[in-house]
């Protein structure tokens, strides 16, 4: 049985780094959607425990967004609400911006 030699070209091999780069933006968008959904849920919650839980999910999502995608996230102070920061995400695909408030003590710790 005659075997054909394998040909390895740079265009057919994908490294783990290439795969991560390809899924980075969709992952960031998914984290952002989680934060937005938790924010909507918190605003419509009827009990304090539900509201606190939803805001915790939102804050955790914003922290993960900043930790894993620092190039697309900008954190700045809000002059109208001194106890909160404004966390702004800019999508590299569409240049669409989404901004949400987060407690200043959680982002500074």
PDB file of N, CA and C in Angstrom:
ATOM      1  N   UNK A   1       0.845  -1.171   0.000  1.00  0.00           N
ATOM      2  CA  UNK A   1       0.000   0.000   0.000  1.00  0.00           C
ATOM      3  C   UNK A   1       0.890   1.234   0.000  1.00  0.00           C
ATOM      4  N   UNK A   2       0.675   2.052  -0.954  1.00  0.00           N
ATOM      5  CA  UNK A   2       1.476   3.255  -1.094  1.00  0.00           C
ATOM      6  C   UNK A   2       0.774   4.417  -0.395  1.00  0.00           C
ATOM      7  N   UNK A   3       1.473   5.090   0.479  1.00  0.00           N
ATOM      8  CA  UNK A   3       0.904   6.223   1.214  1.00  0.00           C
ATOM      9  C   UNK A   3       1.296   7.532   0.541  1.00  0.00           C
ATOM     10  N   UNK A   4       0.350   8.418   0.546  1.00  0.00           N
ATOM     11  CA  UNK A   4       0.622   9.741   0.000  1.00  0.00           C
ATOM     12  C   UNK A   4       1.179  10.616   1.112  1.00  0.00           C
ATOM     13  N   UNK A   5       2.200  11.379   0.822  1.00  0.00           N
ATOM     14  CA  UNK A   5       2.751  12.251   1.869  1.00  0.00           C
ATOM     15  C   UNK A   5       1.754  13.358   2.212  1.00  0.00           C
ATOM     16  N   UNK A   6       1.700  13.667   3.480  1.00  0.00           N
ATOM     17  CA  UNK A   6       0.829  14.758   3.931  1.00  0.00           C
ATOM     18  C   UNK A   6       1.472  16.087   3.587  1.00  0.00           C
ATOM     19  N   UNK A   7       0.678  16.969   3.111  1.00  0.00           N
ATOM     20  CA  UNK A   7       1.191  18.303   2.830  1.00  0.00           C
ATOM     21  C   UNK A   7       0.636  19.252   3.880  1.00  0.00           C
ATOM     22  N   UNK A   8       1.490  19.986   4.489  1.00  0.00           N
ATOM     23  CA  UNK A   8       1.098  20.965   5.509  1.00  0.00           C
ATOM     24  C   UNK A   8       1.380  22.353   4.957  1.00  0.00           C
ATOM     25  N   UNK A   9       0.334  23.081   4.807  1.00  0.00           N
ATOM     26  CA  UNK A   9       0.501  24.461   4.377  1.00  0.00           C
ATOM     27  C   UNK A   9       0.012  25.377   5.470  1.00  0.00           C
ATOM     28  N   UNK A  10       0.502  26.562   5.437  1.00  0.00           N
ATOM     29  CA  UNK A  10       0.146  27.535   6.472  1.00  0.00           C
ATOM     30  C   UNK A  10      -1.329  27.916   6.395  1.00  0.00           C
ATOM     31  N   UNK A  11      -1.930  27.782   5.241  1.00  0.00           N
ATOM     32  CA  UNK A  11      -3.322  28.202   5.112  1.00  0.00           C
ATOM     33  C   UNK A  11      -4.299  27.177   5.668  1.00  0.00           C
ATOM     34  N   UNK A  12      -3.905  25.903   5.756  1.00  0.00           N
ATOM     35  CA  UNK A  12      -4.834  24.903   6.242  1.00  0.00           C
ATOM     36  C   UNK A  12      -4.707  24.650   7.731  1.00  0.00           C
ATOM     37  N   UNK A  13      -3.598  24.987   8.323  1.00  0.00           N
ATOM     38  CA  UNK A  13      -3.428  24.743   9.747  1.00  0.00           C
ATOM     39  C   UNK A  13      -3.924  25.936  10.550  1.00  0.00           C
ATOM     40  N   UNK A  14      -4.777  25.630  11.506  1.00  0.00           N
ATOM     41  CA  UNK A  14      -5.265  26.673  12.403  1.00  0.00           C
ATOM     42  C   UNK A  14      -4.719  26.393  13.784  1.00  0.00           C
ATOM     43  N   UNK A  15      -4.122  27.391  14.364  1.00  0.00           N
ATOM     44  CA  UNK A  15      -3.602  27.245  15.714  1.00  0.00           C
ATOM     45  C   UNK A  15      -4.690  27.601  16.718  1.00  0.00           C
ATOM     46  N   UNK A  16      -4.423  27.247  17.952  1.00  0.00           N
ATOM     47  CA  UNK A  16      -5.367  27.576  19.018  1.00  0.00           C
ATOM     48  C   UNK A  16      -5.552  29.085  19.115  1.00  0.00           C
ATOM     49  N   UNK A  17      -4.483  29.814  18.910  1.00  0.00           N
ATOM     50  CA  UNK A  17      -4.552  31.281  18.947  1.00  0.00           C
ATOM     51  C   UNK A  17      -5.459  31.820  17.841  1.00  0.00           C
ATOM     52  N   UNK A  18      -5.393  31.205  16.654  1.00  0.00           N
ATOM     53  CA  UNK A  18      -6.273  31.617  15.559  1.00  0.00           C
ATOM     54  C   UNK A  18      -7.736  31.353  15.883  1.00  0.00           C
ATOM     55  N   UNK A  19      -7.994  30.199  16.488  1.00  0.00           N
ATOM     56  CA  UNK A  19      -9.371  29.862  16.855  1.00  0.00           C
ATOM     57  C   UNK A  19      -9.896  30.835  17.896  1.00  0.00           C
ATOM     58  N   UNK A  20      -9.074  31.155  18.902  1.00  0.00           N
ATOM     59  CA  UNK A  20      -9.490  32.113  19.925  1.00  0.00           C
ATOM     60  C   UNK A  20      -9.777  33.482  19.332  1.00  0.00           C
ATOM     61  N   UNK A  21      -8.932  33.911  18.407  1.00  0.00           N
ATOM     62  CA  UNK A  21      -9.149  35.217  17.779  1.00  0.00           C
ATOM     63  C   UNK A  21     -10.457  35.228  16.990  1.00  0.00           C
ATOM     64  N   UNK A  22     -10.812  34.102  16.393  1.00  0.00           N
ATOM     65  CA  UNK A  22     -12.036  34.027  15.612  1.00  0.00           C
ATOM     66  C   UNK A  22     -13.304  34.055  16.441  1.00  0.00           C
ATOM     67  N   UNK A  23     -13.230  33.585  17.678  1.00  0.00           N
ATOM     68  CA  UNK A  23     -14.431  33.544  18.516  1.00  0.00           C
ATOM     69  C   UNK A  23     -14.449  34.641  19.576  1.00  0.00           C
ATOM     70  N   UNK A  24     -13.438  35.469  19.617  1.00  0.00           N
ATOM     71  CA  UNK A  24     -13.345  36.493  20.667  1.00  0.00           C
ATOM     72  C   UNK A  24     -14.500  37.487  20.605  1.00  0.00           C
ATOM     73  N   UNK A  25     -14.750  38.055  19.452  1.00  0.00           N
ATOM     74  CA  UNK A  25     -15.803  39.064  19.355  1.00  0.00           C
ATOM     75  C   UNK A  25     -17.192  38.477  19.606  1.00  0.00           C
ATOM     76  N   UNK A  26     -17.528  37.298  19.041  1.00  0.00           N
ATOM     77  CA  UNK A  26     -18.833  36.725  19.402  1.00  0.00           C
ATOM     78  C   UNK A  26     -18.953  36.432  20.899  1.00  0.00           C
ATOM     79  N   UNK A  27     -17.863  36.027  21.536  1.00  0.00           N
ATOM     80  CA  UNK A  27     -17.904  35.790  22.977  1.00  0.00           C
ATOM     81  C   UNK A  27     -18.144  37.091  23.736  1.00  0.00           C
ATOM     82  N   UNK A  28     -17.489  38.156  23.324  1.00  0.00           N
ATOM     83  CA  UNK A  28     -17.688  39.457  23.964  1.00  0.00           C
ATOM     84  C   UNK A  28     -19.127  39.923  23.796  1.00  0.00           C
ATOM     85  N   UNK A  29     -19.678  39.719  22.603  1.00  0.00           N
ATOM     86  CA  UNK A  29     -21.069  40.111  22.354  1.00  0.00           C
ATOM     87  C   UNK A  29     -22.024  39.301  23.240  1.00  0.00           C
ATOM     88  N   UNK A  30     -21.706  38.038  23.451  1.00  0.00           N
ATOM     89  CA  UNK A  30     -22.535  37.182  24.309  1.00  0.00           C
ATOM     90  C   UNK A  30     -22.496  37.661  25.766  1.00  0.00           C
ATOM     91  N   UNK A  31     -21.315  38.024  26.246  1.00  0.00           N
ATOM     92  CA  UNK A  31     -21.183  38.548  27.611  1.00  0.00           C
ATOM     93  C   UNK A  31     -21.955  39.853  27.740  1.00  0.00           C
ATOM     94  N   UNK A  32     -21.866  40.701  26.720  1.00  0.00           N
ATOM     95  CA  UNK A  32     -22.600  41.965  26.740  1.00  0.00           C
ATOM     96  C   UNK A  32     -24.108  41.718  26.761  1.00  0.00           C
ATOM     97  N   UNK A  33     -24.585  40.763  25.980  1.00  0.00           N
ATOM     98  CA  UNK A  33     -26.017  40.448  25.971  1.00  0.00           C
ATOM     99  C   UNK A  33     -26.475  39.949  27.336  1.00  0.00           C
ATOM    100  N   UNK A  34     -25.614  39.187  28.009  1.00  0.00           N
ATOM    101  CA  UNK A  34     -25.951  38.715  29.358  1.00  0.00           C
ATOM    102  C   UNK A  34     -26.095  39.900  30.311  1.00  0.00           C
ATOM    103  N   UNK A  35     -25.174  40.861  30.221  1.00  0.00           N
ATOM    104  CA  UNK A  35     -25.242  42.042  31.087  1.00  0.00           C
ATOM    105  C   UNK A  35     -26.494  42.866  30.788  1.00  0.00           C
ATOM    106  N   UNK A  36     -26.820  43.040  29.522  1.00  0.00           N
ATOM    107  CA  UNK A  36     -28.006  43.808  29.154  1.00  0.00           C
ATOM    108  C   UNK A  36     -29.293  43.113  29.621  1.00  0.00           C
ATOM    109  N   UNK A  37     -29.348  41.786  29.475  1.00  0.00           N
ATOM    110  CA  UNK A  37     -30.530  41.038  29.912  1.00  0.00           C
ATOM    111  C   UNK A  37     -30.679  41.110  31.432  1.00  0.00           C
ATOM    112  N   UNK A  38     -29.562  40.985  32.150  1.00  0.00           N
ATOM    113  CA  UNK A  38     -29.621  41.070  33.614  1.00  0.00           C
ATOM    114  C   UNK A  38     -30.052  42.461  34.052  1.00  0.00           C
ATOM    115  N   UNK A  39     -29.623  43.481  33.332  1.00  0.00           N
ATOM    116  CA  UNK A  39     -30.003  44.851  33.655  1.00  0.00           C
ATOM    117  C   UNK A  39     -31.512  45.046  33.458  1.00  0.00           C
ATOM    118  N   UNK A  40     -32.042  44.516  32.359  1.00  0.00           N
ATOM    119  CA  UNK A  40     -33.497  44.612  32.119  1.00  0.00           C
ATOM    120  C   UNK A  40     -34.270  43.860  33.188  1.00  0.00           C
ATOM    121  N   UNK A  41     -33.782  42.679  33.549  1.00  0.00           N
ATOM    122  CA  UNK A  41     -34.443  41.887  34.579  1.00  0.00           C
ATOM    123  C   UNK A  41     -34.429  42.613  35.925  1.00  0.00           C
ATOM    124  N   UNK A  42     -33.291  43.223  36.263  1.00  0.00           N
ATOM    125  CA  UNK A  42     -33.188  43.935  37.540  1.00  0.00           C
ATOM    126  C   UNK A  42     -34.162  45.108  37.600  1.00  0.00           C
ATOM    127  N   UNK A  43     -34.331  45.793  36.491  1.00  0.00           N
ATOM    128  CA  UNK A  43     -35.232  46.948  36.478  1.00  0.00           C
ATOM    129  C   UNK A  43     -36.694  46.543  36.606  1.00  0.00           C
ATOM    130  N   UNK A  44     -37.015  45.318  36.179  1.00  0.00           N
ATOM    131  CA  UNK A  44     -38.406  44.879  36.260  1.00  0.00           C
ATOM    132  C   UNK A  44     -38.658  43.933  37.433  1.00  0.00           C
ATOM    133  N   UNK A  45     -37.646  43.680  38.238  1.00  0.00           N
ATOM    134  CA  UNK A  45     -37.800  42.746  39.364  1.00  0.00           C
ATOM    135  C   UNK A  45     -38.762  43.304  40.402  1.00  0.00           C
ATOM    136  N   UNK A  46     -39.509  42.396  41.002  1.00  0.00           N
ATOM    137  CA  UNK A  46     -40.488  42.814  41.997  1.00  0.00           C
ATOM    138  C   UNK A  46     -39.971  42.679  43.420  1.00  0.00           C
ATOM    139  N   UNK A  47     -38.949  41.872  43.628  1.00  0.00           N
ATOM    140  CA  UNK A  47     -38.412  41.718  44.985  1.00  0.00           C
ATOM    141  C   UNK A  47     -36.965  42.194  45.033  1.00  0.00           C
ATOM    142  N   UNK A  48     -36.549  42.580  46.213  1.00  0.00           N
ATOM    143  CA  UNK A  48     -35.185  43.069  46.390  1.00  0.00           C
ATOM    144  C   UNK A  48     -34.132  42.009  46.146  1.00  0.00           C
ATOM    145  N   UNK A  49     -34.410  40.761  46.559  1.00  0.00           N
ATOM    146  CA  UNK A  49     -33.455  39.675  46.341  1.00  0.00           C
ATOM    147  C   UNK A  49     -33.251  39.406  44.859  1.00  0.00           C
ATOM    148  N   UNK A  50     -34.344  39.420  44.112  1.00  0.00           N
ATOM    149  CA  UNK A  50     -34.252  39.204  42.670  1.00  0.00           C
ATOM    150  C   UNK A  50     -33.461  40.340  42.004  1.00  0.00           C
ATOM    151  N   UNK A  51     -33.714  41.549  42.445  1.00  0.00           N
ATOM    152  CA  UNK A  51     -33.028  42.714  41.888  1.00  0.00           C
ATOM    153  C   UNK A  51     -31.532  42.651  42.180  1.00  0.00           C
ATOM    154  N   UNK A  52     -31.183  42.321  43.433  1.00  0.00           N
ATOM    155  CA  UNK A  52     -29.767  42.218  43.796  1.00  0.00           C
ATOM    156  C   UNK A  52     -29.061  41.116  43.012  1.00  0.00           C
ATOM    157  N   UNK A  53     -29.736  39.995  42.839  1.00  0.00           N
ATOM    158  CA  UNK A  53     -29.153  38.889  42.075  1.00  0.00           C
ATOM    159  C   UNK A  53     -28.914  39.264  40.623  1.00  0.00           C
ATOM    160  N   UNK A  54     -29.875  39.951  40.024  1.00  0.00           N
ATOM    161  CA  UNK A  54     -29.735  40.358  38.625  1.00  0.00           C
ATOM    162  C   UNK A  54     -28.615  41.384  38.475  1.00  0.00           C
ATOM    163  N   UNK A  55     -28.537  42.331  39.405  1.00  0.00           N
ATOM    164  CA  UNK A  55     -27.450  43.313  39.320  1.00  0.00           C
ATOM    165  C   UNK A  55     -26.085  42.655  39.537  1.00  0.00           C
ATOM    166  N   UNK A  56     -26.026  41.596  40.342  1.00  0.00           N
ATOM    167  CA  UNK A  56     -24.771  40.878  40.530  1.00  0.00           C
ATOM    168  C   UNK A  56     -24.350  40.194  39.231  1.00  0.00           C
ATOM    169  N   UNK A  57     -25.303  39.579  38.535  1.00  0.00           N
ATOM    170  CA  UNK A  57     -25.008  38.953  37.239  1.00  0.00           C
ATOM    171  C   UNK A  57     -24.507  40.011  36.258  1.00  0.00           C
ATOM    172  N   UNK A  58     -25.170  41.167  36.239  1.00  0.00           N
ATOM    173  CA  UNK A  58     -24.762  42.254  35.345  1.00  0.00           C
ATOM    174  C   UNK A  58     -23.356  42.723  35.662  1.00  0.00           C
ATOM    175  N   UNK A  59     -23.051  42.941  36.940  1.00  0.00           N
ATOM    176  CA  UNK A  59     -21.739  43.424  37.337  1.00  0.00           C
ATOM    177  C   UNK A  59     -20.659  42.392  37.023  1.00  0.00           C
ATOM    178  N   UNK A  60     -20.941  41.121  37.278  1.00  0.00           N
ATOM    179  CA  UNK A  60     -19.975  40.070  36.950  1.00  0.00           C
ATOM    180  C   UNK A  60     -19.704  40.017  35.447  1.00  0.00           C
ATOM    181  N   UNK A  61     -20.737  40.178  34.652  1.00  0.00           N
ATOM    182  CA  UNK A  61     -20.568  40.173  33.197  1.00  0.00           C
ATOM    183  C   UNK A  61     -19.723  41.363  32.748  1.00  0.00           C
ATOM    184  N   UNK A  62     -19.963  42.527  33.327  1.00  0.00           N
ATOM    185  CA  UNK A  62     -19.169  43.709  32.960  1.00  0.00           C
ATOM    186  C   UNK A  62     -17.714  43.552  33.390  1.00  0.00           C
ATOM    187  N   UNK A  63     -17.485  42.962  34.560  1.00  0.00           N
ATOM    188  CA  UNK A  63     -16.108  42.704  35.002  1.00  0.00           C
ATOM    189  C   UNK A  63     -15.407  41.731  34.056  1.00  0.00           C
ATOM    190  N   UNK A  64     -16.104  40.679  33.643  1.00  0.00           N
ATOM    191  CA  UNK A  64     -15.514  39.731  32.700  1.00  0.00           C
ATOM    192  C   UNK A  64     -15.248  40.365  31.348  1.00  0.00           C
ATOM    193  N   UNK A  65     -16.128  41.230  30.930  1.00  0.00           N
ATOM    194  CA  UNK A  65     -15.929  41.936  29.667  1.00  0.00           C
ATOM    195  C   UNK A  65     -14.671  42.794  29.731  1.00  0.00           C
ATOM    196  N   UNK A  66     -14.504  43.504  30.824  1.00  0.00           N
ATOM    197  CA  UNK A  66     -13.315  44.347  30.970  1.00  0.00           C
ATOM    198  C   UNK A  66     -12.048  43.505  31.106  1.00  0.00           C
ATOM    199  N   UNK A  67     -12.128  42.393  31.820  1.00  0.00           N
ATOM    200  CA  UNK A  67     -10.957  41.550  32.054  1.00  0.00           C
ATOM    201  C   UNK A  67     -10.482  40.871  30.764  1.00  0.00           C
ATOM    202  N   UNK A  68     -11.413  40.358  29.969  1.00  0.00           N
ATOM    203  CA  UNK A  68     -11.042  39.567  28.806  1.00  0.00           C
ATOM    204  C   UNK A  68     -10.957  40.361  27.503  1.00  0.00           C
ATOM    205  N   UNK A  69     -11.580  41.526  27.453  1.00  0.00           N
ATOM    206  CA  UNK A  69     -11.592  42.324  26.225  1.00  0.00           C
ATOM    207  C   UNK A  69     -11.274  43.792  26.530  1.00  0.00           C
ATOM    208  N   UNK A  70     -10.099  44.067  27.095  1.00  0.00           N
ATOM    209  CA  UNK A  70      -9.795  45.444  27.500  1.00  0.00           C
ATOM    210  C   UNK A  70      -9.699  46.435  26.333  1.00  0.00           C
ATOM    211  N   UNK A  71      -9.403  45.964  25.132  1.00  0.00           N
ATOM    212  CA  UNK A  71      -9.285  46.877  23.995  1.00  0.00           C
ATOM    213  C   UNK A  71     -10.642  47.444  23.569  1.00  0.00           C
ATOM    214  N   UNK A  72     -11.724  46.718  23.845  1.00  0.00           N
ATOM    215  CA  UNK A  72     -13.051  47.181  23.434  1.00  0.00           C
ATOM    216  C   UNK A  72     -13.842  47.828  24.568  1.00  0.00           C
ATOM    217  N   UNK A  73     -13.299  47.835  25.778  1.00  0.00           N
ATOM    218  CA  UNK A  73     -14.035  48.353  26.930  1.00  0.00           C
ATOM    219  C   UNK A  73     -13.382  49.627  27.459  1.00  0.00           C
ATOM    220  N   UNK A  74     -14.199  50.601  27.688  1.00  0.00           N
ATOM    221  CA  UNK A  74     -13.733  51.857  28.285  1.00  0.00           C
ATOM    222  C   UNK A  74     -14.523  52.093  29.565  1.00  0.00           C
ATOM    223  N   UNK A  75     -13.817  52.333  30.654  1.00  0.00           N
ATOM    224  CA  UNK A  75     -14.455  52.593  31.947  1.00  0.00           C
ATOM    225  C   UNK A  75     -14.154  54.036  32.325  1.00  0.00           C
ATOM    226  N   UNK A  76     -15.205  54.781  32.615  1.00  0.00           N
ATOM    227  CA  UNK A  76     -14.999  56.180  32.995  1.00  0.00           C
ATOM    228  C   UNK A  76     -15.987  56.574  34.087  1.00  0.00           C
ATOM    229  N   UNK A  77     -15.664  57.630  34.780  1.00  0.00           N
ATOM    230  CA  UNK A  77     -16.525  58.117  35.852  1.00  0.00           C
ATOM    231  C   UNK A  77     -17.761  58.787  35.262  1.00  0.00           C
ATOM    232  N   UNK A  78     -18.852  58.663  35.978  1.00  0.00           N
ATOM    233  CA  UNK A  78     -20.083  59.339  35.598  1.00  0.00           C
ATOM    234  C   UNK A  78     -20.222  60.561  36.503  1.00  0.00           C
ATOM    235  N   UNK A  79     -20.261  61.719  35.914  1.00  0.00           N
ATOM    236  CA  UNK A  79     -20.325  62.951  36.706  1.00  0.00           C
ATOM    237  C   UNK A  79     -21.683  63.123  37.390  1.00  0.00           C
ATOM    238  N   UNK A  80     -22.726  62.531  36.823  1.00  0.00           N
ATOM    239  CA  UNK A  80     -24.062  62.661  37.406  1.00  0.00           C
ATOM    240  C   UNK A  80     -24.282  61.701  38.578  1.00  0.00           C
ATOM    241  N   UNK A  81     -23.613  60.554  38.544  1.00  0.00           N
ATOM    242  CA  UNK A  81     -23.745  59.541  39.600  1.00  0.00           C
ATOM    243  C   UNK A  81     -22.344  59.235  40.146  1.00  0.00           C
ATOM    244  N   UNK A  82     -21.927  59.901  41.194  1.00  0.00           N
ATOM    245  CA  UNK A  82     -20.549  59.758  41.665  1.00  0.00           C
ATOM    246  C   UNK A  82     -20.204  58.384  42.236  1.00  0.00           C
ATOM    247  N   UNK A  83     -21.176  57.572  42.600  1.00  0.00           N
ATOM    248  CA  UNK A  83     -20.893  56.244  43.142  1.00  0.00           C
ATOM    249  C   UNK A  83     -20.863  55.161  42.064  1.00  0.00           C
ATOM    250  N   UNK A  84     -20.998  55.565  40.807  1.00  0.00           N
ATOM    251  CA  UNK A  84     -21.036  54.611  39.707  1.00  0.00           C
ATOM    252  C   UNK A  84     -20.048  54.984  38.614  1.00  0.00           C
ATOM    253  N   UNK A  85     -19.600  53.954  37.899  1.00  0.00           N
ATOM    254  CA  UNK A  85     -18.773  54.133  36.715  1.00  0.00           C
ATOM    255  C   UNK A  85     -19.606  53.786  35.494  1.00  0.00           C
ATOM    256  N   UNK A  86     -19.227  54.344  34.377  1.00  0.00           N
ATOM    257  CA  UNK A  86     -19.875  54.019  33.121  1.00  0.00           C
ATOM    258  C   UNK A  86     -18.953  53.061  32.368  1.00  0.00           C
ATOM    259  N   UNK A  87     -19.440  51.859  32.099  1.00  0.00           N
ATOM    260  CA  UNK A  87     -18.670  50.844  31.381  1.00  0.00           C
ATOM    261  C   UNK A  87     -19.210  50.811  29.955  1.00  0.00           C
ATOM    262  N   UNK A  88     -18.343  51.129  29.006  1.00  0.00           N
ATOM    263  CA  UNK A  88     -18.763  51.251  27.612  1.00  0.00           C
ATOM    264  C   UNK A  88     -18.041  50.212  26.763  1.00  0.00           C
ATOM    265  N   UNK A  89     -18.796  49.435  26.021  1.00  0.00           N
ATOM    266  CA  UNK A  89     -18.238  48.427  25.114  1.00  0.00           C
ATOM    267  C   UNK A  89     -18.485  48.874  23.682  1.00  0.00           C
ATOM    268  N   UNK A  90     -17.449  48.820  22.847  1.00  0.00           N
ATOM    269  CA  UNK A  90     -17.571  49.156  21.437  1.00  0.00           C
ATOM    270  C   UNK A  90     -17.298  47.897  20.625  1.00  0.00           C
ATOM    271  N   UNK A  91     -18.261  47.498  19.827  1.00  0.00           N
ATOM    272  CA  UNK A  91     -18.122  46.292  19.015  1.00  0.00           C
ATOM    273  C   UNK A  91     -17.154  46.541  17.859  1.00  0.00           C
ATOM    274  N   UNK A  92     -16.159  45.659  17.685  1.00  0.00           N
ATOM    275  CA  UNK A  92     -15.245  45.843  16.557  1.00  0.00           C
ATOM    276  C   UNK A  92     -15.913  45.566  15.212  1.00  0.00           C
ATOM    277  N   UNK A  93     -17.007  44.807  15.191  1.00  0.00           N
ATOM    278  CA  UNK A  93     -17.707  44.526  13.937  1.00  0.00           C
ATOM    279  C   UNK A  93     -18.501  45.714  13.435  1.00  0.00           C
ATOM    280  N   UNK A  94     -19.321  46.271  14.303  1.00  0.00           N
ATOM    281  CA  UNK A  94     -20.264  47.299  13.857  1.00  0.00           C
ATOM    282  C   UNK A  94     -19.982  48.682  14.426  1.00  0.00           C
ATOM    283  N   UNK A  95     -18.979  48.800  15.294  1.00  0.00           N
ATOM    284  CA  UNK A  95     -18.673  50.058  15.997  1.00  0.00           C
ATOM    285  C   UNK A  95     -19.850  50.553  16.824  1.00  0.00           C
ATOM    286  N   UNK A  96     -20.788  49.652  17.126  1.00  0.00           N
ATOM    287  CA  UNK A  96     -21.936  49.986  17.980  1.00  0.00           C
ATOM    288  C   UNK A  96     -21.468  50.043  19.424  1.00  0.00           C
ATOM    289  N   UNK A  97     -21.945  51.029  20.149  1.00  0.00           N
ATOM    290  CA  UNK A  97     -21.567  51.199  21.549  1.00  0.00           C
ATOM    291  C   UNK A  97     -22.723  50.857  22.468  1.00  0.00           C
ATOM    292  N   UNK A  98     -22.367  50.199  23.570  1.00  0.00           N
ATOM    293  CA  UNK A  98     -23.329  49.929  24.630  1.00  0.00           C
ATOM    294  C   UNK A  98     -22.686  50.357  25.934  1.00  0.00           C
ATOM    295  N   UNK A  99     -23.433  51.054  26.761  1.00  0.00           N
ATOM    296  CA  UNK A  99     -22.880  51.538  28.022  1.00  0.00           C
ATOM    297  C   UNK A  99     -23.847  51.224  29.154  1.00  0.00           C
ATOM    298  N   UNK A 100     -23.281  50.831  30.294  1.00  0.00           N
ATOM    299  CA  UNK A 100     -24.069  50.535  31.486  1.00  0.00           C
ATOM    300  C   UNK A 100     -23.322  51.024  32.713  1.00  0.00           C
ATOM    301  N   UNK A 101     -24.067  51.295  33.761  1.00  0.00           N
ATOM    302  CA  UNK A 101     -23.470  51.711  35.023  1.00  0.00           C
ATOM    303  C   UNK A 101     -23.070  50.497  35.853  1.00  0.00           C
ATOM    304  N   UNK A 102     -22.004  50.667  36.619  1.00  0.00           N
ATOM    305  CA  UNK A 102     -21.551  49.640  37.564  1.00  0.00           C
ATOM    306  C   UNK A 102     -21.065  50.339  38.817  1.00  0.00           C
ATOM    307  N   UNK A 103     -21.207  49.706  39.980  1.00  0.00           N
ATOM    308  CA  UNK A 103     -20.754  50.310  41.237  1.00  0.00           C
ATOM    309  C   UNK A 103     -19.247  50.548  41.229  1.00  0.00           C
ATOM    310  N   UNK A 104     -18.852  51.715  41.676  1.00  0.00           N
ATOM    311  CA  UNK A 104     -17.446  52.099  41.631  1.00  0.00           C
ATOM    312  C   UNK A 104     -16.591  51.219  42.551  1.00  0.00           C
ATOM    313  N   UNK A 105     -17.138  50.786  43.698  1.00  0.00           N
ATOM    314  CA  UNK A 105     -16.320  50.015  44.643  1.00  0.00           C
ATOM    315  C   UNK A 105     -15.970  48.625  44.097  1.00  0.00           C
ATOM    316  N   UNK A 106     -16.786  48.068  43.225  1.00  0.00           N
ATOM    317  CA  UNK A 106     -16.491  46.758  42.676  1.00  0.00           C
ATOM    318  C   UNK A 106     -15.410  46.846  41.606  1.00  0.00           C
ATOM    319  N   UNK A 107     -15.412  47.889  40.823  1.00  0.00           N
ATOM    320  CA  UNK A 107     -14.417  48.036  39.761  1.00  0.00           C
ATOM    321  C   UNK A 107     -13.080  48.524  40.285  1.00  0.00           C
ATOM    322  N   UNK A 108     -13.059  49.144  41.428  1.00  0.00           N
ATOM    323  CA  UNK A 108     -11.794  49.633  41.992  1.00  0.00           C
ATOM    324  C   UNK A 108     -11.136  48.616  42.902  1.00  0.00           C
ATOM    325  N   UNK A 109     -11.805  47.506  43.190  1.00  0.00           N
ATOM    326  CA  UNK A 109     -11.196  46.528  44.101  1.00  0.00           C
ATOM    327  C   UNK A 109     -10.368  45.507  43.353  1.00  0.00           C
TER     328      UNK A 109
END
